[in-house]
Amino acid sequence: MPLSQKILVLWFILLFWAGNVLAQQPAPLINWHADSLLTWSDFKGGVQSDSPFSAYTYYGITYRYTCHERLGKYTVTFTTKSHADPNQCWSKVEKQTPALLSHEQMHFNIAEFFARQLLVAFNNYSYTVNYKDEIKQVYENMAVRHRNMQELYDQQTKHSIHKIMQARWELYIDNILRQPCNLEDALALAPVAGR
């Protein structure tokens, strides 16, 4: 085989390899935004066929901070963000409905509410030389409350099956995202079955 043909074959092999590598790159995180709703195409993770659930949204809250110390006083500046990881989100194709997608979107919206509440909690704390441990504790406290609300949402809506409770939760979540309120007031207003 002439050298030019070998180079051409090698070139095609490299192009094929590069195409496969690029195709296998994980999708970037989806940052929450009021004007951008989840779609079923965002659920790229491997389906857990043995799960009793029809879909799963893998959401999270991240934070960043900078700390400045002056004369023994610690000033910490934060940013918080909620996101979904499409590589971990999954759904059973035969179960994909607008109602189920709306239920999954509400999980993401609850995460956004707690990202905002985490920012408030961070900003209201007076930090000391132990600021790293204090930040971790504030985060962990908020994570427990966040997890509790996510679980309550699923319990009361029966994972989207209880349509009346689903509608009540959607209205509630939309309201607490639209109108800034403190965490205690928001929790007091949460829908409760039978009320």
N, C-alpha and C. Protein backbone atom coordinates (compact mmCIF):
# COMPACT_ATOMS: atom_id res chain seq x y z
N MET A 1 0.86 -1.17 0.00
CA MET A 1 0.00 0.00 0.00
C MET A 1 0.91 1.24 0.00
N PRO A 2 0.67 2.16 -0.94
CA PRO A 2 1.48 3.36 -1.00
C PRO A 2 1.31 4.20 0.27
N LEU A 3 2.30 5.01 0.55
CA LEU A 3 2.31 5.86 1.76
C LEU A 3 1.10 6.79 1.80
N SER A 4 0.72 7.33 0.67
CA SER A 4 -0.43 8.26 0.64
C SER A 4 -1.72 7.56 1.06
N GLN A 5 -1.88 6.29 0.65
CA GLN A 5 -3.07 5.54 1.06
C GLN A 5 -3.02 5.21 2.55
N LYS A 6 -1.83 4.89 3.07
CA LYS A 6 -1.70 4.62 4.51
C LYS A 6 -2.05 5.86 5.32
N ILE A 7 -1.59 6.99 4.85
CA ILE A 7 -1.90 8.25 5.56
C ILE A 7 -3.40 8.52 5.50
N LEU A 8 -4.03 8.28 4.35
CA LEU A 8 -5.46 8.49 4.21
C LEU A 8 -6.25 7.55 5.13
N VAL A 9 -5.85 6.27 5.19
CA VAL A 9 -6.51 5.30 6.07
C VAL A 9 -6.34 5.73 7.53
N LEU A 10 -5.13 6.13 7.90
CA LEU A 10 -4.86 6.59 9.27
C LEU A 10 -5.71 7.82 9.59
N TRP A 11 -5.84 8.71 8.62
CA TRP A 11 -6.65 9.93 8.80
C TRP A 11 -8.11 9.56 9.07
N PHE A 12 -8.67 8.62 8.31
CA PHE A 12 -10.05 8.19 8.53
C PHE A 12 -10.22 7.50 9.88
N ILE A 13 -9.25 6.71 10.29
CA ILE A 13 -9.31 6.06 11.60
C ILE A 13 -9.32 7.11 12.70
N LEU A 14 -8.46 8.12 12.59
CA LEU A 14 -8.42 9.19 13.60
C LEU A 14 -9.73 9.97 13.62
N LEU A 15 -10.28 10.26 12.44
CA LEU A 15 -11.57 10.97 12.40
C LEU A 15 -12.67 10.14 13.06
N PHE A 16 -12.70 8.84 12.76
CA PHE A 16 -13.71 7.95 13.35
C PHE A 16 -13.55 7.91 14.87
N TRP A 17 -12.30 7.78 15.34
CA TRP A 17 -12.03 7.74 16.78
C TRP A 17 -12.43 9.05 17.45
N ALA A 18 -12.06 10.17 16.84
CA ALA A 18 -12.40 11.48 17.41
C ALA A 18 -13.91 11.66 17.47
N GLY A 19 -14.62 11.22 16.41
CA GLY A 19 -16.08 11.32 16.41
C GLY A 19 -16.70 10.52 17.52
N ASN A 20 -16.18 9.30 17.76
CA ASN A 20 -16.71 8.46 18.84
C ASN A 20 -16.42 9.06 20.20
N VAL A 21 -15.23 9.60 20.39
CA VAL A 21 -14.88 10.22 21.67
C VAL A 21 -15.78 11.42 21.94
N LEU A 22 -15.98 12.25 20.93
CA LEU A 22 -16.84 13.43 21.11
C LEU A 22 -18.28 13.02 21.37
N ALA A 23 -18.74 11.98 20.72
CA ALA A 23 -20.12 11.52 20.91
C ALA A 23 -20.34 10.98 22.32
N GLN A 24 -19.28 10.50 22.97
CA GLN A 24 -19.41 9.90 24.29
C GLN A 24 -19.18 10.91 25.42
N GLN A 25 -18.91 12.16 25.09
CA GLN A 25 -18.69 13.16 26.13
C GLN A 25 -19.98 13.34 26.93
N PRO A 26 -19.87 13.43 28.25
CA PRO A 26 -21.08 13.63 29.04
C PRO A 26 -21.70 15.00 28.76
N ALA A 27 -23.01 15.04 28.87
CA ALA A 27 -23.72 16.31 28.68
C ALA A 27 -23.41 17.22 29.87
N PRO A 28 -23.30 18.52 29.64
CA PRO A 28 -23.02 19.44 30.74
C PRO A 28 -24.22 19.55 31.69
N LEU A 29 -23.94 19.99 32.91
CA LEU A 29 -25.01 20.21 33.88
C LEU A 29 -25.98 21.25 33.34
N ILE A 30 -27.23 21.11 33.73
CA ILE A 30 -28.26 22.08 33.35
C ILE A 30 -28.49 22.98 34.55
N ASN A 31 -28.15 24.24 34.42
CA ASN A 31 -28.40 25.19 35.50
C ASN A 31 -29.87 25.62 35.45
N TRP A 32 -30.47 25.75 36.63
CA TRP A 32 -31.89 26.13 36.69
C TRP A 32 -32.04 27.55 36.16
N HIS A 33 -33.07 27.73 35.39
CA HIS A 33 -33.43 29.06 34.89
C HIS A 33 -34.94 29.08 34.69
N ALA A 34 -35.57 30.16 35.09
CA ALA A 34 -37.03 30.26 35.04
C ALA A 34 -37.58 30.03 33.64
N ASP A 35 -36.83 30.43 32.62
CA ASP A 35 -37.32 30.33 31.24
C ASP A 35 -36.89 29.05 30.53
N SER A 36 -36.28 28.14 31.26
CA SER A 36 -35.78 26.92 30.63
C SER A 36 -36.25 25.71 31.42
N LEU A 37 -37.22 25.00 30.88
CA LEU A 37 -37.78 23.84 31.55
C LEU A 37 -37.09 22.56 31.06
N LEU A 38 -37.11 21.56 31.89
CA LEU A 38 -36.58 20.26 31.49
C LEU A 38 -37.42 19.68 30.35
N THR A 39 -36.76 18.92 29.50
CA THR A 39 -37.45 18.17 28.44
C THR A 39 -37.03 16.72 28.59
N TRP A 40 -37.76 15.82 27.96
CA TRP A 40 -37.40 14.41 28.08
C TRP A 40 -36.02 14.15 27.48
N SER A 41 -35.57 14.98 26.56
CA SER A 41 -34.23 14.78 25.98
C SER A 41 -33.12 15.07 26.99
N ASP A 42 -33.46 15.71 28.11
CA ASP A 42 -32.48 15.97 29.18
C ASP A 42 -32.23 14.73 30.04
N PHE A 43 -33.03 13.70 29.87
CA PHE A 43 -32.93 12.48 30.69
C PHE A 43 -32.08 11.46 29.93
N LYS A 44 -30.77 11.60 30.04
CA LYS A 44 -29.82 10.83 29.24
C LYS A 44 -29.20 9.66 30.00
N GLY A 45 -29.47 9.55 31.28
CA GLY A 45 -28.85 8.51 32.10
C GLY A 45 -29.42 7.13 31.80
N GLY A 46 -28.70 6.13 32.28
CA GLY A 46 -29.15 4.76 32.11
C GLY A 46 -30.41 4.49 32.91
N VAL A 47 -31.42 3.95 32.27
CA VAL A 47 -32.71 3.67 32.92
C VAL A 47 -32.54 2.54 33.94
N GLN A 48 -33.08 2.76 35.12
CA GLN A 48 -33.08 1.72 36.15
C GLN A 48 -34.38 0.94 35.99
N SER A 49 -34.35 -0.06 35.14
CA SER A 49 -35.56 -0.79 34.78
C SER A 49 -36.20 -1.50 35.97
N ASP A 50 -35.41 -1.83 36.99
CA ASP A 50 -35.97 -2.51 38.16
C ASP A 50 -36.56 -1.53 39.18
N SER A 51 -36.45 -0.23 38.91
CA SER A 51 -37.01 0.78 39.82
C SER A 51 -38.53 0.82 39.69
N PRO A 52 -39.23 1.04 40.81
CA PRO A 52 -40.69 1.19 40.72
C PRO A 52 -41.09 2.55 40.15
N PHE A 53 -40.11 3.45 40.01
CA PHE A 53 -40.40 4.80 39.52
C PHE A 53 -40.27 4.88 38.01
N SER A 54 -40.98 5.84 37.44
CA SER A 54 -40.99 6.01 35.99
C SER A 54 -39.89 6.94 35.51
N ALA A 55 -39.41 7.80 36.40
CA ALA A 55 -38.38 8.76 36.03
C ALA A 55 -37.64 9.20 37.29
N TYR A 56 -36.47 9.76 37.07
CA TYR A 56 -35.66 10.25 38.18
C TYR A 56 -34.89 11.47 37.71
N THR A 57 -35.02 12.56 38.44
CA THR A 57 -34.27 13.78 38.15
C THR A 57 -33.15 13.90 39.16
N TYR A 58 -31.93 13.92 38.67
CA TYR A 58 -30.76 14.04 39.53
C TYR A 58 -30.41 15.53 39.62
N TYR A 59 -30.76 16.13 40.72
CA TYR A 59 -30.57 17.56 40.92
C TYR A 59 -29.56 17.78 42.05
N GLY A 60 -29.03 18.96 42.10
CA GLY A 60 -28.09 19.28 43.16
C GLY A 60 -27.97 20.77 43.35
N ILE A 61 -27.33 21.13 44.45
CA ILE A 61 -27.07 22.54 44.76
C ILE A 61 -25.58 22.66 45.03
N THR A 62 -24.97 23.59 44.35
CA THR A 62 -23.55 23.84 44.58
C THR A 62 -23.38 25.28 45.05
N TYR A 63 -22.26 25.51 45.70
CA TYR A 63 -21.96 26.87 46.14
C TYR A 63 -20.47 27.13 45.99
N ARG A 64 -20.17 28.41 45.89
CA ARG A 64 -18.79 28.89 45.86
C ARG A 64 -18.70 30.05 46.82
N TYR A 65 -17.51 30.25 47.33
CA TYR A 65 -17.35 31.39 48.22
C TYR A 65 -15.92 31.91 48.17
N THR A 66 -15.80 33.17 48.58
CA THR A 66 -14.50 33.77 48.82
C THR A 66 -14.55 34.33 50.23
N CYS A 67 -13.43 34.27 50.92
CA CYS A 67 -13.38 34.75 52.30
C CYS A 67 -12.25 35.77 52.43
N HIS A 68 -12.58 36.85 53.11
CA HIS A 68 -11.58 37.89 53.40
C HIS A 68 -11.58 38.14 54.90
N GLU A 69 -10.39 38.17 55.46
CA GLU A 69 -10.25 38.45 56.89
C GLU A 69 -9.58 39.80 57.05
N ARG A 70 -10.16 40.61 57.93
CA ARG A 70 -9.57 41.92 58.24
C ARG A 70 -9.82 42.21 59.70
N LEU A 71 -8.73 42.36 60.41
CA LEU A 71 -8.78 42.69 61.84
C LEU A 71 -9.63 41.68 62.62
N GLY A 72 -9.49 40.41 62.28
CA GLY A 72 -10.21 39.35 62.99
C GLY A 72 -11.66 39.17 62.59
N LYS A 73 -12.12 39.96 61.63
CA LYS A 73 -13.49 39.83 61.14
C LYS A 73 -13.46 39.14 59.77
N TYR A 74 -14.32 38.12 59.61
CA TYR A 74 -14.34 37.32 58.38
C TYR A 74 -15.56 37.69 57.54
N THR A 75 -15.29 38.10 56.33
CA THR A 75 -16.35 38.43 55.38
C THR A 75 -16.33 37.36 54.29
N VAL A 76 -17.46 36.69 54.15
CA VAL A 76 -17.55 35.60 53.17
C VAL A 76 -18.62 35.98 52.16
N THR A 77 -18.27 35.86 50.88
CA THR A 77 -19.19 36.16 49.79
C THR A 77 -19.51 34.86 49.06
N PHE A 78 -20.79 34.64 48.81
CA PHE A 78 -21.24 33.36 48.26
C PHE A 78 -21.98 33.51 46.94
N THR A 79 -21.97 32.44 46.17
CA THR A 79 -22.91 32.23 45.07
C THR A 79 -23.44 30.80 45.24
N THR A 80 -24.69 30.61 44.92
CA THR A 80 -25.29 29.27 44.96
C THR A 80 -25.96 29.02 43.62
N LYS A 81 -26.08 27.75 43.29
CA LYS A 81 -26.67 27.39 42.00
C LYS A 81 -27.34 26.03 42.13
N SER A 82 -28.50 25.89 41.52
CA SER A 82 -29.12 24.56 41.43
C SER A 82 -28.93 24.07 40.01
N HIS A 83 -28.78 22.79 39.89
CA HIS A 83 -28.54 22.21 38.57
C HIS A 83 -29.10 20.80 38.52
N ALA A 84 -29.30 20.33 37.31
CA ALA A 84 -29.68 18.93 37.06
C ALA A 84 -28.57 18.32 36.22
N ASP A 85 -28.30 17.04 36.46
CA ASP A 85 -27.27 16.34 35.71
C ASP A 85 -27.97 15.40 34.72
N PRO A 86 -28.00 15.77 33.44
CA PRO A 86 -28.70 14.93 32.46
C PRO A 86 -28.11 13.53 32.33
N ASN A 87 -26.84 13.38 32.69
CA ASN A 87 -26.19 12.08 32.60
C ASN A 87 -26.68 11.12 33.68
N GLN A 88 -27.28 11.66 34.74
CA GLN A 88 -27.82 10.85 35.83
C GLN A 88 -29.34 10.81 35.84
N CYS A 89 -29.98 11.76 35.12
CA CYS A 89 -31.45 11.76 35.01
C CYS A 89 -31.86 10.65 34.04
N TRP A 90 -32.93 9.95 34.39
CA TRP A 90 -33.40 8.89 33.50
C TRP A 90 -34.92 8.81 33.53
N SER A 91 -35.46 8.20 32.49
CA SER A 91 -36.91 7.99 32.44
C SER A 91 -37.19 6.75 31.60
N LYS A 92 -38.29 6.11 31.91
CA LYS A 92 -38.75 4.97 31.13
C LYS A 92 -39.59 5.54 29.98
N VAL A 93 -39.13 5.34 28.77
CA VAL A 93 -39.73 5.98 27.60
C VAL A 93 -41.23 5.74 27.53
N GLU A 94 -41.67 4.55 27.83
CA GLU A 94 -43.11 4.24 27.73
C GLU A 94 -43.94 4.97 28.79
N LYS A 95 -43.30 5.55 29.79
CA LYS A 95 -44.00 6.26 30.87
C LYS A 95 -43.93 7.77 30.71
N GLN A 96 -43.24 8.25 29.69
CA GLN A 96 -43.06 9.69 29.52
C GLN A 96 -44.37 10.37 29.15
N THR A 97 -44.83 11.22 30.06
CA THR A 97 -46.05 12.01 29.82
C THR A 97 -45.76 13.45 30.24
N PRO A 98 -46.54 14.40 29.76
CA PRO A 98 -46.37 15.79 30.21
C PRO A 98 -46.55 15.92 31.73
N ALA A 99 -47.47 15.15 32.30
CA ALA A 99 -47.71 15.22 33.75
C ALA A 99 -46.48 14.74 34.53
N LEU A 100 -45.87 13.67 34.08
CA LEU A 100 -44.68 13.17 34.76
C LEU A 100 -43.52 14.14 34.60
N LEU A 101 -43.37 14.72 33.43
CA LEU A 101 -42.29 15.69 33.21
C LEU A 101 -42.49 16.91 34.11
N SER A 102 -43.72 17.34 34.27
CA SER A 102 -44.02 18.46 35.17
C SER A 102 -43.65 18.10 36.61
N HIS A 103 -43.94 16.86 37.00
CA HIS A 103 -43.58 16.41 38.35
C HIS A 103 -42.07 16.48 38.54
N GLU A 104 -41.32 16.02 37.55
CA GLU A 104 -39.86 16.05 37.64
C GLU A 104 -39.34 17.49 37.65
N GLN A 105 -39.97 18.37 36.88
CA GLN A 105 -39.58 19.79 36.87
C GLN A 105 -39.75 20.39 38.26
N MET A 106 -40.82 19.98 38.97
CA MET A 106 -41.04 20.52 40.32
C MET A 106 -39.93 20.10 41.27
N HIS A 107 -39.38 18.90 41.10
CA HIS A 107 -38.21 18.52 41.91
C HIS A 107 -37.06 19.50 41.68
N PHE A 108 -36.83 19.83 40.41
CA PHE A 108 -35.77 20.78 40.06
C PHE A 108 -36.09 22.16 40.63
N ASN A 109 -37.36 22.56 40.58
CA ASN A 109 -37.77 23.86 41.11
C ASN A 109 -37.59 23.92 42.64
N ILE A 110 -37.88 22.83 43.32
CA ILE A 110 -37.66 22.79 44.77
C ILE A 110 -36.17 22.97 45.06
N ALA A 111 -35.32 22.33 44.26
CA ALA A 111 -33.88 22.50 44.44
C ALA A 111 -33.49 23.96 44.26
N GLU A 112 -34.08 24.65 43.29
CA GLU A 112 -33.79 26.07 43.09
C GLU A 112 -34.23 26.89 44.30
N PHE A 113 -35.40 26.59 44.84
CA PHE A 113 -35.86 27.31 46.03
C PHE A 113 -34.84 27.15 47.16
N PHE A 114 -34.34 25.94 47.36
CA PHE A 114 -33.39 25.73 48.44
C PHE A 114 -32.01 26.30 48.13
N ALA A 115 -31.65 26.42 46.87
CA ALA A 115 -30.40 27.12 46.52
C ALA A 115 -30.50 28.58 46.95
N ARG A 116 -31.66 29.18 46.74
CA ARG A 116 -31.87 30.57 47.17
C ARG A 116 -31.88 30.68 48.69
N GLN A 117 -32.53 29.72 49.35
CA GLN A 117 -32.56 29.75 50.82
C GLN A 117 -31.17 29.51 51.40
N LEU A 118 -30.39 28.68 50.75
CA LEU A 118 -29.01 28.45 51.20
C LEU A 118 -28.21 29.74 51.12
N LEU A 119 -28.39 30.49 50.05
CA LEU A 119 -27.68 31.77 49.92
C LEU A 119 -28.06 32.71 51.05
N VAL A 120 -29.34 32.77 51.38
CA VAL A 120 -29.80 33.62 52.50
C VAL A 120 -29.16 33.15 53.80
N ALA A 121 -29.17 31.85 54.05
CA ALA A 121 -28.61 31.31 55.29
C ALA A 121 -27.10 31.59 55.36
N PHE A 122 -26.41 31.43 54.26
CA PHE A 122 -24.98 31.75 54.24
C PHE A 122 -24.74 33.21 54.58
N ASN A 123 -25.53 34.08 53.95
CA ASN A 123 -25.33 35.52 54.13
C ASN A 123 -25.73 36.01 55.51
N ASN A 124 -26.58 35.29 56.21
CA ASN A 124 -27.03 35.72 57.53
C ASN A 124 -26.16 35.18 58.67
N TYR A 125 -25.15 34.40 58.34
CA TYR A 125 -24.31 33.79 59.37
C TYR A 125 -23.12 34.69 59.66
N SER A 126 -22.71 34.77 60.93
CA SER A 126 -21.51 35.52 61.32
C SER A 126 -20.36 34.54 61.44
N TYR A 127 -19.39 34.67 60.55
CA TYR A 127 -18.31 33.69 60.46
C TYR A 127 -17.13 34.05 61.35
N THR A 128 -16.43 33.00 61.78
CA THR A 128 -15.24 33.15 62.62
C THR A 128 -14.05 32.52 61.89
N VAL A 129 -12.97 32.35 62.61
CA VAL A 129 -11.80 31.70 62.06
C VAL A 129 -12.12 30.27 61.59
N ASN A 130 -13.20 29.69 62.10
CA ASN A 130 -13.65 28.35 61.71
C ASN A 130 -14.65 28.39 60.56
N TYR A 131 -14.53 29.39 59.71
CA TYR A 131 -15.55 29.61 58.67
C TYR A 131 -15.77 28.40 57.77
N LYS A 132 -14.74 27.61 57.48
CA LYS A 132 -14.92 26.44 56.60
C LYS A 132 -15.88 25.43 57.24
N ASP A 133 -15.70 25.16 58.52
CA ASP A 133 -16.61 24.24 59.22
C ASP A 133 -18.00 24.85 59.35
N GLU A 134 -18.06 26.15 59.57
CA GLU A 134 -19.36 26.82 59.72
C GLU A 134 -20.14 26.79 58.41
N ILE A 135 -19.45 27.01 57.30
CA ILE A 135 -20.09 26.95 55.99
C ILE A 135 -20.64 25.54 55.75
N LYS A 136 -19.82 24.55 56.07
CA LYS A 136 -20.24 23.15 55.89
C LYS A 136 -21.48 22.85 56.73
N GLN A 137 -21.52 23.36 57.96
CA GLN A 137 -22.67 23.10 58.83
C GLN A 137 -23.94 23.78 58.31
N VAL A 138 -23.81 25.03 57.84
CA VAL A 138 -24.97 25.73 57.26
C VAL A 138 -25.49 24.93 56.07
N TYR A 139 -24.58 24.46 55.22
CA TYR A 139 -24.97 23.68 54.04
C TYR A 139 -25.68 22.39 54.46
N GLU A 140 -25.11 21.67 55.40
CA GLU A 140 -25.70 20.40 55.83
C GLU A 140 -27.07 20.58 56.45
N ASN A 141 -27.24 21.65 57.25
CA ASN A 141 -28.57 21.93 57.82
C ASN A 141 -29.60 22.18 56.73
N MET A 142 -29.21 22.95 55.72
CA MET A 142 -30.14 23.24 54.63
C MET A 142 -30.40 21.99 53.80
N ALA A 143 -29.38 21.15 53.62
CA ALA A 143 -29.55 19.92 52.83
C ALA A 143 -30.58 19.00 53.46
N VAL A 144 -30.61 18.93 54.79
CA VAL A 144 -31.60 18.09 55.48
C VAL A 144 -33.00 18.63 55.21
N ARG A 145 -33.16 19.93 55.30
CA ARG A 145 -34.49 20.52 55.07
C ARG A 145 -34.91 20.35 53.61
N HIS A 146 -33.95 20.49 52.72
CA HIS A 146 -34.23 20.30 51.30
C HIS A 146 -34.68 18.87 51.04
N ARG A 147 -33.95 17.91 51.54
CA ARG A 147 -34.29 16.50 51.35
C ARG A 147 -35.67 16.19 51.92
N ASN A 148 -35.98 16.75 53.10
CA ASN A 148 -37.28 16.53 53.72
C ASN A 148 -38.42 17.04 52.84
N MET A 149 -38.21 18.23 52.22
CA MET A 149 -39.27 18.76 51.37
C MET A 149 -39.42 17.91 50.11
N GLN A 150 -38.32 17.47 49.53
CA GLN A 150 -38.41 16.63 48.33
C GLN A 150 -39.17 15.34 48.65
N GLU A 151 -38.90 14.75 49.79
CA GLU A 151 -39.58 13.52 50.19
C GLU A 151 -41.06 13.77 50.45
N LEU A 152 -41.38 14.88 51.13
CA LEU A 152 -42.78 15.21 51.39
C LEU A 152 -43.53 15.41 50.07
N TYR A 153 -42.91 16.09 49.14
CA TYR A 153 -43.51 16.31 47.82
C TYR A 153 -43.86 14.97 47.15
N ASP A 154 -42.91 14.05 47.15
CA ASP A 154 -43.18 12.74 46.53
C ASP A 154 -44.23 11.95 47.30
N GLN A 155 -44.20 12.01 48.62
CA GLN A 155 -45.19 11.28 49.42
C GLN A 155 -46.59 11.80 49.14
N GLN A 156 -46.74 13.11 49.18
CA GLN A 156 -48.08 13.68 49.05
C GLN A 156 -48.64 13.59 47.64
N THR A 157 -47.77 13.66 46.65
CA THR A 157 -48.25 13.57 45.26
C THR A 157 -48.25 12.13 44.76
N LYS A 158 -47.77 11.21 45.60
CA LYS A 158 -47.63 9.80 45.20
C LYS A 158 -46.83 9.71 43.89
N HIS A 159 -45.76 10.48 43.84
CA HIS A 159 -44.87 10.52 42.67
C HIS A 159 -45.64 10.91 41.40
N SER A 160 -46.53 11.86 41.52
CA SER A 160 -47.32 12.48 40.45
C SER A 160 -48.67 11.82 40.21
N ILE A 161 -48.98 10.73 40.87
CA ILE A 161 -50.23 10.00 40.63
C ILE A 161 -51.43 10.72 41.22
N HIS A 162 -51.24 11.36 42.39
CA HIS A 162 -52.33 12.09 43.06
C HIS A 162 -52.43 13.48 42.41
N LYS A 163 -53.30 13.60 41.42
CA LYS A 163 -53.37 14.79 40.57
C LYS A 163 -53.73 16.07 41.34
N ILE A 164 -54.62 15.98 42.31
CA ILE A 164 -55.01 17.18 43.06
C ILE A 164 -53.83 17.70 43.87
N MET A 165 -53.15 16.80 44.57
CA MET A 165 -51.98 17.23 45.35
C MET A 165 -50.86 17.71 44.43
N GLN A 166 -50.72 17.08 43.28
CA GLN A 166 -49.70 17.53 42.33
C GLN A 166 -49.98 18.97 41.92
N ALA A 167 -51.23 19.27 41.61
CA ALA A 167 -51.60 20.64 41.21
C ALA A 167 -51.35 21.62 42.35
N ARG A 168 -51.68 21.22 43.59
CA ARG A 168 -51.44 22.10 44.74
C ARG A 168 -49.95 22.37 44.93
N TRP A 169 -49.14 21.33 44.79
CA TRP A 169 -47.69 21.51 44.94
C TRP A 169 -47.13 22.39 43.83
N GLU A 170 -47.61 22.23 42.62
CA GLU A 170 -47.11 23.06 41.52
C GLU A 170 -47.42 24.52 41.76
N LEU A 171 -48.62 24.81 42.22
CA LEU A 171 -49.00 26.19 42.54
C LEU A 171 -48.13 26.73 43.68
N TYR A 172 -47.97 25.93 44.70
CA TYR A 172 -47.16 26.32 45.87
C TYR A 172 -45.71 26.61 45.45
N ILE A 173 -45.10 25.72 44.70
CA ILE A 173 -43.70 25.89 44.31
C ILE A 173 -43.55 27.10 43.40
N ASP A 174 -44.47 27.27 42.46
CA ASP A 174 -44.42 28.46 41.60
C ASP A 174 -44.49 29.73 42.43
N ASN A 175 -45.37 29.75 43.44
CA ASN A 175 -45.51 30.94 44.28
C ASN A 175 -44.26 31.24 45.10
N ILE A 176 -43.65 30.22 45.71
CA ILE A 176 -42.49 30.50 46.55
C ILE A 176 -41.26 30.87 45.71
N LEU A 177 -41.25 30.49 44.45
CA LEU A 177 -40.16 30.93 43.58
C LEU A 177 -40.40 32.35 43.06
N ARG A 178 -41.65 32.70 42.88
CA ARG A 178 -41.99 34.01 42.33
C ARG A 178 -41.91 35.12 43.37
N GLN A 179 -42.32 34.82 44.61
CA GLN A 179 -42.37 35.83 45.66
C GLN A 179 -41.37 35.46 46.74
N PRO A 180 -40.30 36.25 46.87
CA PRO A 180 -39.31 35.92 47.90
C PRO A 180 -39.95 35.82 49.29
N CYS A 181 -39.64 34.76 49.99
CA CYS A 181 -40.14 34.58 51.34
C CYS A 181 -39.08 33.82 52.13
N ASN A 182 -39.17 33.93 53.45
CA ASN A 182 -38.18 33.20 54.24
C ASN A 182 -38.57 31.73 54.32
N LEU A 183 -37.63 30.93 54.71
CA LEU A 183 -37.82 29.49 54.71
C LEU A 183 -38.95 29.05 55.63
N GLU A 184 -39.00 29.62 56.82
CA GLU A 184 -40.03 29.20 57.79
C GLU A 184 -41.43 29.49 57.26
N ASP A 185 -41.62 30.67 56.65
CA ASP A 185 -42.93 31.00 56.09
C ASP A 185 -43.27 30.07 54.94
N ALA A 186 -42.30 29.79 54.10
CA ALA A 186 -42.53 28.89 52.96
C ALA A 186 -42.90 27.49 53.43
N LEU A 187 -42.21 26.99 54.45
CA LEU A 187 -42.51 25.65 54.95
C LEU A 187 -43.90 25.61 55.59
N ALA A 188 -44.29 26.68 56.25
CA ALA A 188 -45.61 26.73 56.88
C ALA A 188 -46.73 26.69 55.85
N LEU A 189 -46.45 27.16 54.64
CA LEU A 189 -47.46 27.22 53.57
C LEU A 189 -47.51 25.96 52.71
N ALA A 190 -46.60 25.03 52.95
CA ALA A 190 -46.53 23.82 52.12
C ALA A 190 -47.84 23.07 52.15
N PRO A 191 -48.25 22.54 51.00
CA PRO A 191 -49.49 21.75 50.97
C PRO A 191 -49.42 20.55 51.91
N VAL A 192 -50.52 20.25 52.51
CA VAL A 192 -50.61 19.08 53.38
C VAL A 192 -51.86 18.33 52.98
N ALA A 193 -51.72 17.05 52.78
CA ALA A 193 -52.88 16.23 52.39
C ALA A 193 -53.99 16.37 53.43
N GLY A 194 -55.22 16.54 52.95
CA GLY A 194 -56.36 16.65 53.83
C GLY A 194 -56.64 18.06 54.33
N ARG A 195 -55.81 18.99 53.95
CA ARG A 195 -56.01 20.37 54.40
C ARG A 195 -56.52 21.20 53.27
